[in-house]
Amino acid sequence: MWGLSYHERSLQAECWKLAPKTEITETSDPKINRLLQLGKINGDIEILYFGVGREHRRRIISPQEVLEVEEFGIYVNAFCHKRLQIRTFKVELITFVNDGLEDWKKAPITGIVSSADPTISFLLQAVESEQDVQIEYLGGSTPGGTRVITPYDIFEAEGFGIYIYAYCHKREQNRFFSAMKTRVIF
């Protein structure tokens, strides 16, 4: 939708409304799983939403359903606490700000020793070689801030996604980092 005229955007919106939609009830994607889990318990989550043609917007949403819209992608219908109405958000444009950090600590965990994801593979190599890594972290008290970490372990918390346990040189203490909020700076 970038660079489209008002008429083109309106036409695309009408096509979206008519496109076949399939509700997603299970997936291996941790972000979608978290949205589904919150939908089941009527939970809220704080997000950054990178909407079309706008800077990121911070919102608190209550996910209701996740839909795959043919030829458009995956969307979540959620109650938006700012707009006080049901809104539709494209999942790939969402970054979690607060994803229930304390809740994941109660979930069963599984250590990760290999991954097809290039970022996780790089971090696993850093764990093995005890190498420092510079990251941009989209969570915490300063989303988007850079920091240097020394990763010790990478694991998946069931239903919450992948986490990195590392020494944070900025905070000078061991911390947990959500992998989906972490971007490695090469």
N, C-alpha and C. Protein backbone atom coordinates (compact mmCIF):
# COMPACT_ATOMS: atom_id res chain seq x y z
N MET A 1 0.80 -1.19 0.00
CA MET A 1 0.00 0.00 0.00
C MET A 1 0.85 1.26 0.00
N TRP A 2 2.16 1.12 0.16
CA TRP A 2 3.04 2.28 0.16
C TRP A 2 2.94 3.00 -1.18
N GLY A 3 2.78 4.29 -1.17
CA GLY A 3 2.80 5.08 -2.38
C GLY A 3 1.54 4.98 -3.22
N LEU A 4 0.48 4.38 -2.72
CA LEU A 4 -0.75 4.26 -3.48
C LEU A 4 -1.60 5.51 -3.28
N SER A 5 -2.38 5.84 -4.30
CA SER A 5 -3.29 6.98 -4.19
C SER A 5 -4.46 6.59 -3.28
N TYR A 6 -5.25 7.58 -2.89
CA TYR A 6 -6.41 7.33 -2.05
C TYR A 6 -7.35 6.33 -2.73
N HIS A 7 -7.59 6.53 -4.03
CA HIS A 7 -8.47 5.64 -4.79
C HIS A 7 -7.93 4.21 -4.80
N GLU A 8 -6.62 4.06 -5.03
CA GLU A 8 -6.00 2.73 -5.06
C GLU A 8 -6.09 2.05 -3.70
N ARG A 9 -5.87 2.83 -2.61
CA ARG A 9 -5.98 2.26 -1.26
C ARG A 9 -7.41 1.82 -0.97
N SER A 10 -8.38 2.63 -1.40
CA SER A 10 -9.79 2.29 -1.19
C SER A 10 -10.16 1.02 -1.94
N LEU A 11 -9.69 0.89 -3.17
CA LEU A 11 -9.95 -0.30 -3.97
C LEU A 11 -9.31 -1.53 -3.33
N GLN A 12 -8.07 -1.37 -2.84
CA GLN A 12 -7.39 -2.49 -2.19
C GLN A 12 -8.12 -2.89 -0.90
N ALA A 13 -8.64 -1.91 -0.15
CA ALA A 13 -9.39 -2.21 1.07
C ALA A 13 -10.65 -3.00 0.75
N GLU A 14 -11.32 -2.67 -0.33
CA GLU A 14 -12.52 -3.40 -0.73
C GLU A 14 -12.16 -4.84 -1.13
N CYS A 15 -11.05 -5.01 -1.85
CA CYS A 15 -10.59 -6.35 -2.23
C CYS A 15 -10.28 -7.18 -0.99
N TRP A 16 -9.65 -6.54 0.02
CA TRP A 16 -9.31 -7.22 1.27
C TRP A 16 -10.59 -7.74 1.94
N LYS A 17 -11.62 -6.90 1.97
CA LYS A 17 -12.88 -7.30 2.62
C LYS A 17 -13.49 -8.53 1.94
N LEU A 18 -13.32 -8.63 0.62
CA LEU A 18 -13.92 -9.74 -0.13
C LEU A 18 -13.04 -10.98 -0.20
N ALA A 19 -11.76 -10.85 0.17
CA ALA A 19 -10.83 -11.98 0.06
C ALA A 19 -11.22 -13.10 1.02
N PRO A 20 -11.01 -14.36 0.60
CA PRO A 20 -11.28 -15.50 1.50
C PRO A 20 -10.38 -15.43 2.74
N LYS A 21 -10.99 -15.72 3.88
CA LYS A 21 -10.28 -15.67 5.16
C LYS A 21 -10.39 -17.02 5.86
N THR A 22 -9.29 -17.44 6.49
CA THR A 22 -9.26 -18.69 7.23
C THR A 22 -8.77 -18.40 8.64
N GLU A 23 -9.54 -18.83 9.64
CA GLU A 23 -9.12 -18.61 11.01
C GLU A 23 -7.96 -19.55 11.35
N ILE A 24 -6.93 -19.02 12.00
CA ILE A 24 -5.78 -19.81 12.43
C ILE A 24 -6.00 -20.18 13.88
N THR A 25 -5.91 -21.48 14.19
CA THR A 25 -6.09 -21.93 15.57
C THR A 25 -4.82 -22.54 16.16
N GLU A 26 -3.87 -22.91 15.28
CA GLU A 26 -2.58 -23.41 15.76
C GLU A 26 -1.53 -23.19 14.69
N THR A 27 -0.31 -22.98 15.14
CA THR A 27 0.81 -22.70 14.24
C THR A 27 2.11 -22.92 14.99
N SER A 28 3.21 -22.96 14.27
CA SER A 28 4.52 -23.07 14.93
C SER A 28 5.14 -21.69 15.13
N ASP A 29 4.51 -20.63 14.62
CA ASP A 29 5.04 -19.27 14.75
C ASP A 29 4.80 -18.75 16.17
N PRO A 30 5.88 -18.40 16.92
CA PRO A 30 5.71 -17.99 18.32
C PRO A 30 4.89 -16.70 18.49
N LYS A 31 5.01 -15.76 17.56
CA LYS A 31 4.26 -14.51 17.68
C LYS A 31 2.76 -14.80 17.55
N ILE A 32 2.39 -15.60 16.55
CA ILE A 32 0.98 -15.93 16.35
C ILE A 32 0.46 -16.77 17.52
N ASN A 33 1.28 -17.71 18.02
CA ASN A 33 0.89 -18.51 19.17
C ASN A 33 0.59 -17.64 20.38
N ARG A 34 1.42 -16.62 20.59
CA ARG A 34 1.20 -15.71 21.73
C ARG A 34 -0.12 -14.97 21.58
N LEU A 35 -0.42 -14.50 20.35
CA LEU A 35 -1.69 -13.82 20.11
C LEU A 35 -2.88 -14.77 20.34
N LEU A 36 -2.74 -16.01 19.87
CA LEU A 36 -3.80 -17.00 20.07
C LEU A 36 -4.00 -17.30 21.55
N GLN A 37 -2.89 -17.44 22.27
CA GLN A 37 -2.97 -17.73 23.70
C GLN A 37 -3.66 -16.59 24.45
N LEU A 38 -3.31 -15.36 24.12
CA LEU A 38 -3.95 -14.21 24.76
C LEU A 38 -5.44 -14.14 24.42
N GLY A 39 -5.79 -14.53 23.19
CA GLY A 39 -7.20 -14.55 22.81
C GLY A 39 -8.00 -15.53 23.64
N LYS A 40 -7.41 -16.66 24.00
CA LYS A 40 -8.11 -17.69 24.78
C LYS A 40 -8.37 -17.23 26.22
N ILE A 41 -7.48 -16.40 26.76
CA ILE A 41 -7.62 -15.98 28.16
C ILE A 41 -8.08 -14.53 28.29
N ASN A 42 -8.50 -13.93 27.18
CA ASN A 42 -8.91 -12.52 27.16
C ASN A 42 -7.81 -11.61 27.70
N GLY A 43 -6.56 -11.92 27.35
CA GLY A 43 -5.42 -11.16 27.83
C GLY A 43 -5.12 -9.95 26.95
N ASP A 44 -4.36 -9.03 27.51
CA ASP A 44 -3.93 -7.82 26.81
C ASP A 44 -2.44 -7.90 26.53
N ILE A 45 -2.00 -7.16 25.51
CA ILE A 45 -0.58 -7.08 25.19
C ILE A 45 -0.28 -5.70 24.64
N GLU A 46 0.86 -5.17 25.02
CA GLU A 46 1.29 -3.88 24.49
C GLU A 46 2.14 -4.14 23.24
N ILE A 47 1.81 -3.42 22.17
CA ILE A 47 2.51 -3.62 20.90
C ILE A 47 3.01 -2.29 20.34
N LEU A 48 3.99 -2.40 19.45
CA LEU A 48 4.34 -1.31 18.54
C LEU A 48 3.81 -1.76 17.20
N TYR A 49 3.04 -0.88 16.54
CA TYR A 49 2.47 -1.24 15.24
C TYR A 49 3.03 -0.31 14.19
N PHE A 50 3.68 -0.88 13.19
CA PHE A 50 4.29 -0.11 12.13
C PHE A 50 3.31 -0.05 10.97
N GLY A 51 2.31 0.84 11.09
CA GLY A 51 1.25 0.96 10.10
C GLY A 51 1.75 1.59 8.81
N VAL A 52 0.95 1.45 7.79
CA VAL A 52 1.30 1.93 6.46
C VAL A 52 1.46 3.45 6.47
N GLY A 53 2.63 3.92 6.02
CA GLY A 53 2.89 5.35 5.87
C GLY A 53 2.99 6.12 7.17
N ARG A 54 3.13 5.42 8.30
CA ARG A 54 3.18 6.12 9.58
C ARG A 54 4.36 5.61 10.40
N GLU A 55 4.74 6.41 11.37
CA GLU A 55 5.72 5.95 12.35
C GLU A 55 5.05 4.87 13.21
N HIS A 56 5.84 4.18 14.01
CA HIS A 56 5.26 3.15 14.86
C HIS A 56 4.28 3.78 15.86
N ARG A 57 3.25 3.02 16.15
CA ARG A 57 2.25 3.45 17.11
C ARG A 57 2.20 2.45 18.24
N ARG A 58 2.20 2.94 19.46
CA ARG A 58 2.14 2.07 20.63
C ARG A 58 0.67 1.86 20.98
N ARG A 59 0.27 0.60 21.14
CA ARG A 59 -1.12 0.27 21.43
C ARG A 59 -1.17 -0.87 22.44
N ILE A 60 -2.26 -0.92 23.19
CA ILE A 60 -2.57 -2.09 24.01
C ILE A 60 -3.77 -2.73 23.35
N ILE A 61 -3.63 -4.02 23.02
CA ILE A 61 -4.70 -4.72 22.33
C ILE A 61 -5.09 -5.99 23.08
N SER A 62 -6.32 -6.43 22.85
CA SER A 62 -6.82 -7.71 23.36
C SER A 62 -7.17 -8.57 22.14
N PRO A 63 -6.27 -9.48 21.75
CA PRO A 63 -6.52 -10.29 20.56
C PRO A 63 -7.80 -11.11 20.67
N GLN A 64 -8.52 -11.23 19.55
CA GLN A 64 -9.75 -12.01 19.53
C GLN A 64 -9.65 -13.18 18.56
N GLU A 65 -9.11 -12.94 17.36
CA GLU A 65 -8.93 -14.03 16.40
C GLU A 65 -7.78 -13.67 15.46
N VAL A 66 -7.15 -14.71 14.93
CA VAL A 66 -6.07 -14.55 13.97
C VAL A 66 -6.54 -15.16 12.66
N LEU A 67 -6.42 -14.38 11.58
CA LEU A 67 -6.93 -14.81 10.28
C LEU A 67 -5.84 -14.76 9.21
N GLU A 68 -5.86 -15.76 8.34
CA GLU A 68 -5.04 -15.70 7.14
C GLU A 68 -5.96 -15.21 6.03
N VAL A 69 -5.59 -14.07 5.43
CA VAL A 69 -6.40 -13.47 4.38
C VAL A 69 -5.68 -13.74 3.06
N GLU A 70 -6.35 -14.50 2.19
CA GLU A 70 -5.74 -14.93 0.94
C GLU A 70 -5.18 -13.74 0.16
N GLU A 71 -3.91 -13.85 -0.23
CA GLU A 71 -3.16 -12.86 -1.00
C GLU A 71 -2.81 -11.59 -0.22
N PHE A 72 -3.15 -11.52 1.07
CA PHE A 72 -2.85 -10.33 1.86
C PHE A 72 -1.96 -10.62 3.07
N GLY A 73 -2.03 -11.84 3.62
CA GLY A 73 -1.19 -12.17 4.76
C GLY A 73 -2.00 -12.56 5.99
N ILE A 74 -1.35 -12.47 7.14
CA ILE A 74 -1.96 -12.89 8.41
C ILE A 74 -2.27 -11.64 9.24
N TYR A 75 -3.49 -11.61 9.76
CA TYR A 75 -3.99 -10.46 10.52
C TYR A 75 -4.56 -10.92 11.85
N VAL A 76 -4.57 -10.01 12.82
CA VAL A 76 -5.23 -10.29 14.09
C VAL A 76 -6.33 -9.25 14.28
N ASN A 77 -7.53 -9.73 14.59
CA ASN A 77 -8.61 -8.85 15.00
C ASN A 77 -8.50 -8.72 16.50
N ALA A 78 -8.46 -7.49 16.99
CA ALA A 78 -8.24 -7.28 18.42
C ALA A 78 -8.96 -6.02 18.87
N PHE A 79 -9.35 -6.02 20.15
CA PHE A 79 -9.90 -4.81 20.73
C PHE A 79 -8.73 -3.87 21.01
N CYS A 80 -8.80 -2.66 20.45
CA CYS A 80 -7.76 -1.65 20.65
C CYS A 80 -8.21 -0.75 21.80
N HIS A 81 -7.43 -0.70 22.87
CA HIS A 81 -7.81 0.07 24.05
C HIS A 81 -7.72 1.57 23.82
N LYS A 82 -6.94 2.01 22.85
CA LYS A 82 -6.86 3.45 22.53
C LYS A 82 -8.09 3.90 21.75
N ARG A 83 -8.48 3.12 20.74
CA ARG A 83 -9.62 3.48 19.87
C ARG A 83 -10.96 3.00 20.43
N LEU A 84 -10.89 2.10 21.43
CA LEU A 84 -12.08 1.52 22.06
C LEU A 84 -13.00 0.84 21.03
N GLN A 85 -12.36 0.08 20.14
CA GLN A 85 -13.10 -0.67 19.13
C GLN A 85 -12.25 -1.81 18.60
N ILE A 86 -12.93 -2.74 17.92
CA ILE A 86 -12.21 -3.84 17.29
C ILE A 86 -11.48 -3.27 16.08
N ARG A 87 -10.17 -3.57 16.00
CA ARG A 87 -9.34 -3.13 14.87
C ARG A 87 -8.63 -4.35 14.31
N THR A 88 -8.14 -4.21 13.07
CA THR A 88 -7.42 -5.30 12.42
C THR A 88 -5.97 -4.87 12.22
N PHE A 89 -5.04 -5.71 12.66
CA PHE A 89 -3.61 -5.42 12.59
C PHE A 89 -2.92 -6.52 11.79
N LYS A 90 -2.05 -6.13 10.86
CA LYS A 90 -1.26 -7.11 10.12
C LYS A 90 -0.16 -7.63 11.05
N VAL A 91 -0.10 -8.93 11.24
CA VAL A 91 0.80 -9.53 12.23
C VAL A 91 2.26 -9.19 11.96
N GLU A 92 2.69 -9.18 10.70
CA GLU A 92 4.10 -8.91 10.42
C GLU A 92 4.51 -7.47 10.76
N LEU A 93 3.54 -6.58 11.00
CA LEU A 93 3.84 -5.18 11.35
C LEU A 93 3.79 -4.94 12.86
N ILE A 94 3.60 -6.03 13.63
CA ILE A 94 3.50 -5.94 15.09
C ILE A 94 4.82 -6.35 15.73
N THR A 95 5.25 -5.57 16.71
CA THR A 95 6.35 -5.96 17.60
C THR A 95 5.81 -5.88 19.02
N PHE A 96 6.01 -6.93 19.80
CA PHE A 96 5.54 -6.93 21.18
C PHE A 96 6.42 -6.04 22.04
N VAL A 97 5.79 -5.23 22.88
CA VAL A 97 6.53 -4.41 23.84
C VAL A 97 6.54 -5.12 25.18
N ASN A 98 5.37 -5.56 25.62
CA ASN A 98 5.25 -6.26 26.88
C ASN A 98 4.48 -7.54 26.61
N ASP A 99 5.17 -8.65 26.61
CA ASP A 99 4.49 -9.92 26.30
C ASP A 99 4.35 -10.82 27.52
N GLY A 100 4.11 -10.23 28.68
CA GLY A 100 3.88 -11.04 29.87
C GLY A 100 5.15 -11.72 30.34
N LEU A 101 6.23 -10.97 30.52
CA LEU A 101 7.54 -11.51 30.85
C LEU A 101 7.49 -12.47 32.03
N GLU A 102 6.75 -12.13 33.05
CA GLU A 102 6.71 -13.00 34.22
C GLU A 102 5.98 -14.30 33.93
N ASP A 103 4.97 -14.27 33.04
CA ASP A 103 4.21 -15.48 32.73
C ASP A 103 5.08 -16.56 32.10
N TRP A 104 6.00 -16.18 31.20
CA TRP A 104 6.79 -17.19 30.50
C TRP A 104 7.70 -17.94 31.45
N LYS A 105 8.05 -17.34 32.57
CA LYS A 105 8.95 -18.00 33.52
C LYS A 105 8.30 -19.24 34.15
N LYS A 106 6.98 -19.33 34.07
CA LYS A 106 6.26 -20.48 34.62
C LYS A 106 6.05 -21.58 33.58
N ALA A 107 6.36 -21.28 32.31
CA ALA A 107 6.11 -22.23 31.22
C ALA A 107 7.23 -23.28 31.14
N PRO A 108 6.91 -24.48 30.64
CA PRO A 108 7.96 -25.49 30.39
C PRO A 108 8.95 -24.95 29.36
N ILE A 109 10.24 -25.21 29.56
CA ILE A 109 11.24 -24.72 28.62
C ILE A 109 12.00 -25.88 27.98
N THR A 110 12.48 -25.61 26.75
CA THR A 110 13.27 -26.57 26.00
C THR A 110 14.50 -25.86 25.46
N GLY A 111 15.68 -26.39 25.74
CA GLY A 111 16.90 -25.80 25.23
C GLY A 111 16.98 -25.93 23.72
N ILE A 112 17.56 -24.95 23.07
CA ILE A 112 17.72 -24.97 21.62
C ILE A 112 19.20 -25.19 21.31
N VAL A 113 19.49 -26.16 20.46
CA VAL A 113 20.88 -26.46 20.11
C VAL A 113 21.16 -26.21 18.64
N SER A 114 20.11 -26.09 17.82
CA SER A 114 20.29 -25.75 16.40
C SER A 114 19.02 -25.07 15.91
N SER A 115 19.18 -24.30 14.83
CA SER A 115 18.03 -23.59 14.30
C SER A 115 18.26 -23.23 12.84
N ALA A 116 17.17 -23.23 12.06
CA ALA A 116 17.25 -22.79 10.66
C ALA A 116 17.22 -21.26 10.59
N ASP A 117 16.77 -20.61 11.65
CA ASP A 117 16.72 -19.15 11.69
C ASP A 117 18.15 -18.61 11.78
N PRO A 118 18.56 -17.72 10.85
CA PRO A 118 19.94 -17.25 10.85
C PRO A 118 20.34 -16.47 12.11
N THR A 119 19.43 -15.73 12.68
CA THR A 119 19.74 -14.97 13.90
C THR A 119 19.99 -15.92 15.06
N ILE A 120 19.10 -16.91 15.22
CA ILE A 120 19.27 -17.88 16.31
C ILE A 120 20.54 -18.69 16.10
N SER A 121 20.82 -19.10 14.86
CA SER A 121 22.06 -19.85 14.57
C SER A 121 23.29 -19.03 14.94
N PHE A 122 23.28 -17.75 14.59
CA PHE A 122 24.40 -16.87 14.92
C PHE A 122 24.57 -16.77 16.44
N LEU A 123 23.45 -16.61 17.15
CA LEU A 123 23.51 -16.50 18.61
C LEU A 123 23.97 -17.82 19.25
N LEU A 124 23.56 -18.95 18.68
CA LEU A 124 24.03 -20.24 19.19
C LEU A 124 25.54 -20.37 19.03
N GLN A 125 26.07 -19.90 17.90
CA GLN A 125 27.53 -19.90 17.71
C GLN A 125 28.21 -19.00 18.73
N ALA A 126 27.58 -17.87 19.05
CA ALA A 126 28.14 -16.96 20.05
C ALA A 126 28.13 -17.60 21.43
N VAL A 127 27.10 -18.38 21.74
CA VAL A 127 27.06 -19.11 23.01
C VAL A 127 28.23 -20.08 23.07
N GLU A 128 28.39 -20.84 21.99
CA GLU A 128 29.45 -21.85 21.91
C GLU A 128 30.85 -21.24 22.05
N SER A 129 31.07 -20.10 21.40
CA SER A 129 32.41 -19.47 21.41
C SER A 129 32.57 -18.41 22.49
N GLU A 130 31.53 -18.23 23.33
CA GLU A 130 31.55 -17.21 24.39
C GLU A 130 31.88 -15.83 23.83
N GLN A 131 31.27 -15.52 22.71
CA GLN A 131 31.52 -14.28 21.97
C GLN A 131 30.47 -13.22 22.32
N ASP A 132 30.91 -11.97 22.44
CA ASP A 132 29.99 -10.85 22.64
C ASP A 132 29.28 -10.54 21.33
N VAL A 133 28.03 -10.07 21.44
CA VAL A 133 27.22 -9.76 20.27
C VAL A 133 26.55 -8.40 20.50
N GLN A 134 26.57 -7.57 19.48
CA GLN A 134 25.86 -6.29 19.56
C GLN A 134 24.45 -6.50 18.99
N ILE A 135 23.44 -6.05 19.75
CA ILE A 135 22.06 -6.22 19.33
C ILE A 135 21.30 -4.89 19.40
N GLU A 136 20.21 -4.85 18.66
CA GLU A 136 19.20 -3.82 18.85
C GLU A 136 18.04 -4.56 19.51
N TYR A 137 17.59 -4.05 20.67
CA TYR A 137 16.53 -4.74 21.39
C TYR A 137 15.27 -3.89 21.38
N LEU A 138 14.18 -4.48 20.86
CA LEU A 138 12.92 -3.75 20.70
C LEU A 138 12.01 -3.86 21.92
N GLY A 139 12.52 -4.43 22.99
CA GLY A 139 11.75 -4.54 24.23
C GLY A 139 12.41 -3.73 25.32
N GLY A 140 12.08 -4.03 26.55
CA GLY A 140 12.70 -3.38 27.69
C GLY A 140 12.27 -1.93 27.87
N SER A 141 13.04 -1.20 28.67
CA SER A 141 12.68 0.18 29.00
C SER A 141 13.02 1.17 27.89
N THR A 142 13.92 0.78 26.99
CA THR A 142 14.29 1.67 25.87
C THR A 142 14.22 0.89 24.56
N PRO A 143 12.99 0.64 24.04
CA PRO A 143 12.86 -0.13 22.79
C PRO A 143 13.67 0.51 21.66
N GLY A 144 14.39 -0.33 20.94
CA GLY A 144 15.21 0.16 19.83
C GLY A 144 16.63 0.51 20.23
N GLY A 145 16.94 0.39 21.52
CA GLY A 145 18.28 0.69 21.98
C GLY A 145 19.26 -0.41 21.64
N THR A 146 20.52 -0.03 21.45
CA THR A 146 21.54 -1.04 21.17
C THR A 146 22.25 -1.40 22.46
N ARG A 147 22.74 -2.61 22.50
CA ARG A 147 23.50 -3.09 23.66
C ARG A 147 24.39 -4.24 23.23
N VAL A 148 25.36 -4.51 24.04
CA VAL A 148 26.25 -5.65 23.82
C VAL A 148 25.88 -6.70 24.86
N ILE A 149 25.72 -7.94 24.37
CA ILE A 149 25.39 -9.05 25.27
C ILE A 149 26.39 -10.18 25.07
N THR A 150 26.54 -10.99 26.11
CA THR A 150 27.28 -12.24 26.02
C THR A 150 26.27 -13.35 26.28
N PRO A 151 25.78 -14.00 25.20
CA PRO A 151 24.73 -15.01 25.38
C PRO A 151 25.27 -16.28 26.04
N TYR A 152 24.48 -16.81 27.01
CA TYR A 152 24.83 -18.04 27.71
C TYR A 152 23.96 -19.21 27.28
N ASP A 153 22.70 -18.92 26.96
CA ASP A 153 21.76 -20.00 26.66
C ASP A 153 20.63 -19.46 25.80
N ILE A 154 20.06 -20.33 24.97
CA ILE A 154 18.90 -19.99 24.16
C ILE A 154 17.90 -21.11 24.35
N PHE A 155 16.66 -20.75 24.66
CA PHE A 155 15.64 -21.76 24.94
C PHE A 155 14.27 -21.28 24.48
N GLU A 156 13.36 -22.24 24.36
CA GLU A 156 11.98 -21.90 24.02
C GLU A 156 11.11 -22.12 25.24
N ALA A 157 10.34 -21.09 25.61
CA ALA A 157 9.35 -21.20 26.67
C ALA A 157 8.02 -21.53 25.99
N GLU A 158 7.48 -22.69 26.30
CA GLU A 158 6.29 -23.19 25.60
C GLU A 158 5.17 -22.15 25.58
N GLY A 159 4.74 -21.80 24.36
CA GLY A 159 3.65 -20.85 24.18
C GLY A 159 4.07 -19.39 24.21
N PHE A 160 5.35 -19.13 24.50
CA PHE A 160 5.80 -17.74 24.61
C PHE A 160 6.90 -17.39 23.63
N GLY A 161 7.54 -18.37 23.03
CA GLY A 161 8.59 -18.09 22.06
C GLY A 161 9.98 -18.39 22.59
N ILE A 162 10.96 -17.89 21.85
CA ILE A 162 12.37 -18.18 22.14
C ILE A 162 12.98 -17.02 22.92
N TYR A 163 13.79 -17.38 23.94
CA TYR A 163 14.46 -16.39 24.79
C TYR A 163 15.96 -16.62 24.80
N ILE A 164 16.68 -15.54 25.01
CA ILE A 164 18.14 -15.57 25.11
C ILE A 164 18.49 -15.18 26.54
N TYR A 165 19.24 -16.04 27.21
CA TYR A 165 19.75 -15.69 28.54
C TYR A 165 21.18 -15.22 28.33
N ALA A 166 21.46 -13.98 28.73
CA ALA A 166 22.77 -13.38 28.41
C ALA A 166 23.18 -12.36 29.46
N TYR A 167 24.49 -12.12 29.49
CA TYR A 167 25.01 -11.01 30.29
C TYR A 167 24.85 -9.74 29.47
N CYS A 168 24.18 -8.74 30.03
CA CYS A 168 23.99 -7.46 29.36
C CYS A 168 25.06 -6.49 29.87
N HIS A 169 25.93 -6.07 28.97
CA HIS A 169 27.03 -5.17 29.36
C HIS A 169 26.50 -3.78 29.73
N LYS A 170 25.37 -3.39 29.17
CA LYS A 170 24.78 -2.08 29.49
C LYS A 170 24.26 -2.06 30.93
N ARG A 171 23.54 -3.11 31.32
CA ARG A 171 22.96 -3.19 32.67
C ARG A 171 23.91 -3.83 33.69
N GLU A 172 24.98 -4.44 33.16
CA GLU A 172 25.97 -5.13 34.00
C GLU A 172 25.35 -6.22 34.87
N GLN A 173 24.46 -6.99 34.24
CA GLN A 173 23.84 -8.13 34.92
C GLN A 173 23.25 -9.09 33.89
N ASN A 174 22.97 -10.31 34.36
CA ASN A 174 22.36 -11.30 33.49
C ASN A 174 20.90 -10.93 33.25
N ARG A 175 20.46 -11.08 31.99
CA ARG A 175 19.10 -10.70 31.60
C ARG A 175 18.53 -11.73 30.64
N PHE A 176 17.22 -11.72 30.51
CA PHE A 176 16.52 -12.51 29.50
C PHE A 176 16.07 -11.57 28.39
N PHE A 177 16.26 -11.98 27.14
CA PHE A 177 15.85 -11.20 25.98
C PHE A 177 14.94 -12.06 25.11
N SER A 178 13.80 -11.51 24.73
CA SER A 178 12.92 -12.21 23.81
C SER A 178 13.57 -12.19 22.42
N ALA A 179 13.72 -13.38 21.83
CA ALA A 179 14.37 -13.45 20.50
C ALA A 179 13.60 -12.69 19.45
N MET A 180 12.27 -12.66 19.55
CA MET A 180 11.50 -11.96 18.52
C MET A 180 11.63 -10.45 18.63
N LYS A 181 12.20 -9.95 19.73
CA LYS A 181 12.44 -8.51 19.87
C LYS A 181 13.92 -8.17 19.66
N THR A 182 14.73 -9.16 19.28
CA THR A 182 16.18 -8.98 19.17
C THR A 182 16.62 -8.97 17.72
N ARG A 183 17.40 -7.97 17.36
CA ARG A 183 18.02 -7.92 16.03
C ARG A 183 19.52 -7.83 16.23
N VAL A 184 20.23 -8.80 15.64
CA VAL A 184 21.69 -8.80 15.75
C VAL A 184 22.25 -7.75 14.80
N ILE A 185 23.19 -6.98 15.28
CA ILE A 185 23.88 -5.98 14.45
C ILE A 185 25.21 -6.59 14.04
N PHE A 186 25.36 -6.85 12.75
CA PHE A 186 26.57 -7.50 12.24
C PHE A 186 27.63 -6.47 11.93
